[in-house]
Protein backbone atom coordinates (compact mmCIF):
# COMPACT_ATOMS: atom_id res chain seq x y z
CA MET A 1 -0.22 -0.01 -0.11
CA THR A 2 1.31 3.36 -0.92
CA GLN A 3 1.36 6.01 1.69
CA GLY A 4 -1.01 8.77 1.60
CA ALA A 5 -3.97 6.19 0.04
CA PRO A 6 -6.86 5.50 2.26
CA SER A 7 -7.15 2.15 3.39
CA SER A 8 -10.10 0.02 2.51
CA ALA A 9 -11.33 0.20 6.27
CA ALA A 10 -10.89 3.90 6.23
CA ALA A 11 -12.58 4.53 3.08
CA GLY A 12 -15.80 2.23 4.39
CA ALA A 13 -15.59 4.37 7.88
CA LYS A 14 -16.10 7.46 5.75
CA VAL A 15 -19.14 5.78 3.71
CA GLY A 16 -20.60 4.53 7.13
CA LEU A 17 -20.30 8.10 8.53
CA ARG A 18 -22.14 9.63 5.65
CA ARG A 19 -24.77 6.99 5.72
CA ALA A 20 -25.24 7.76 9.50
CA ALA A 21 -25.36 11.47 8.93
CA VAL A 22 -28.17 11.07 6.38
CA VAL A 23 -29.94 8.96 8.44
CA ALA A 24 -29.91 11.44 11.38
CA ALA A 25 -30.70 13.96 8.97
CA LEU A 26 -33.82 12.35 7.93
CA LEU A 27 -34.92 11.37 11.52
CA LEU A 28 -34.71 15.04 12.46
CA ALA A 29 -36.83 16.01 9.64
CA LEU A 30 -39.40 13.73 11.22
CA VAL A 31 -39.48 15.01 14.55
CA PRO A 32 -42.09 17.63 14.93
CA THR A 33 -41.56 21.16 15.99
CA GLN A 34 -42.52 22.65 19.59
CA ALA A 35 -44.63 25.02 17.37
CA ALA A 36 -46.66 22.49 15.74
CA ALA A 37 -47.05 20.25 18.67
CA ALA A 38 -48.75 22.81 20.59
CA GLN A 39 -51.30 23.42 17.88
CA ARG A 40 -54.70 21.95 18.44
CA ARG A 41 -57.12 21.54 15.81
CA SER A 42 -60.66 20.35 15.57
CA MET A 43 -62.35 18.15 13.00
CA CYS A 44 -64.21 19.93 10.39
CA VAL A 45 -65.86 17.14 8.39
CA ASP A 46 -68.20 14.40 9.99
CA GLN A 47 -65.89 11.49 9.64
CA ALA A 48 -62.16 11.01 8.28
CA ALA A 49 -59.75 7.97 8.05
CA LEU A 50 -56.44 7.99 10.33
CA TYR A 51 -53.63 6.40 8.09
CA ASP A 52 -50.10 4.90 9.11
CA ALA A 53 -48.45 6.80 6.27
CA PRO A 54 -49.82 9.30 4.15
CA GLY A 55 -52.36 7.83 1.83
CA ARG A 56 -51.37 4.42 2.76
CA ILE A 57 -53.25 2.06 4.91
CA ALA A 58 -56.56 3.28 7.05
CA VAL A 59 -55.78 2.34 10.69
CA GLY A 60 -58.96 3.94 12.27
CA HIS A 61 -61.63 6.70 11.81
CA LEU A 62 -61.96 9.93 13.47
CA TYR A 63 -65.29 11.61 14.08
CA ARG A 64 -66.29 15.35 14.46
CA PRO A 65 -66.13 17.07 17.11
CA GLN A 66 -62.70 15.33 17.61
CA ARG A 67 -59.93 17.64 18.98
CA LEU A 68 -56.45 16.80 17.58
CA ALA A 69 -52.86 17.72 18.51
CA VAL A 70 -50.99 18.82 15.25
CA LEU A 71 -47.52 17.24 15.43
CA ASN A 72 -46.30 17.52 11.90
CA ARG A 73 -47.09 18.07 8.16
CA THR A 74 -45.92 16.76 4.64
CA SER A 75 -44.00 19.45 2.65
CA ASN A 76 -46.72 20.00 0.42
CA GLY A 77 -49.36 20.39 3.15
CA ARG A 78 -51.79 17.70 2.22
CA TRP A 79 -51.19 15.48 4.99
CA THR A 80 -51.05 16.26 8.83
CA TYR A 81 -49.49 13.94 11.60
CA VAL A 82 -52.05 14.32 14.35
CA ARG A 83 -52.33 12.95 18.12
CA THR A 84 -55.83 12.13 19.62
CA ALA A 85 -56.93 12.72 22.98
CA TRP A 86 -56.21 8.80 23.52
CA ASP A 87 -52.76 9.07 22.49
CA VAL A 88 -53.20 7.44 18.92
CA GLU A 89 -51.03 9.09 16.27
CA GLY A 90 -51.59 8.85 12.46
CA TRP A 91 -51.90 10.90 9.35
CA ILE A 92 -55.19 12.50 8.14
CA ARG A 93 -55.98 14.46 5.23
CA SER A 94 -55.26 18.35 6.08
CA SER A 95 -58.69 19.14 4.39
CA ALA A 96 -60.40 17.56 7.20
CA LEU A 97 -59.25 19.85 9.69
CA CYS A 98 -60.65 23.36 10.60
CA ARG A 99 -58.61 26.33 9.81
CA PRO A 100 -56.70 27.55 12.57
CA ARG A 101 -58.62 30.74 14.36
């Protein structure tokens, strides 16, 4: 091995660090901000499905006048991650929620 050339172990460690940094950045993007977590919203439709992920599998239904804590939103604003009074969390279509006052 020539001097100054990185070993395969060192190169592998750099790739591992980059992957860890990407994973950490993705996880941080999913953590709700305190401002969003403090927001409470009501249902403005009679019923809406609660999903495990935006547009994926329905895991339950919510009914008006359910109050929900807003935890996060998708970047396009179409889906909102909420928590019910019974600590059930999931995604709901943003259009099902009343606009904040």
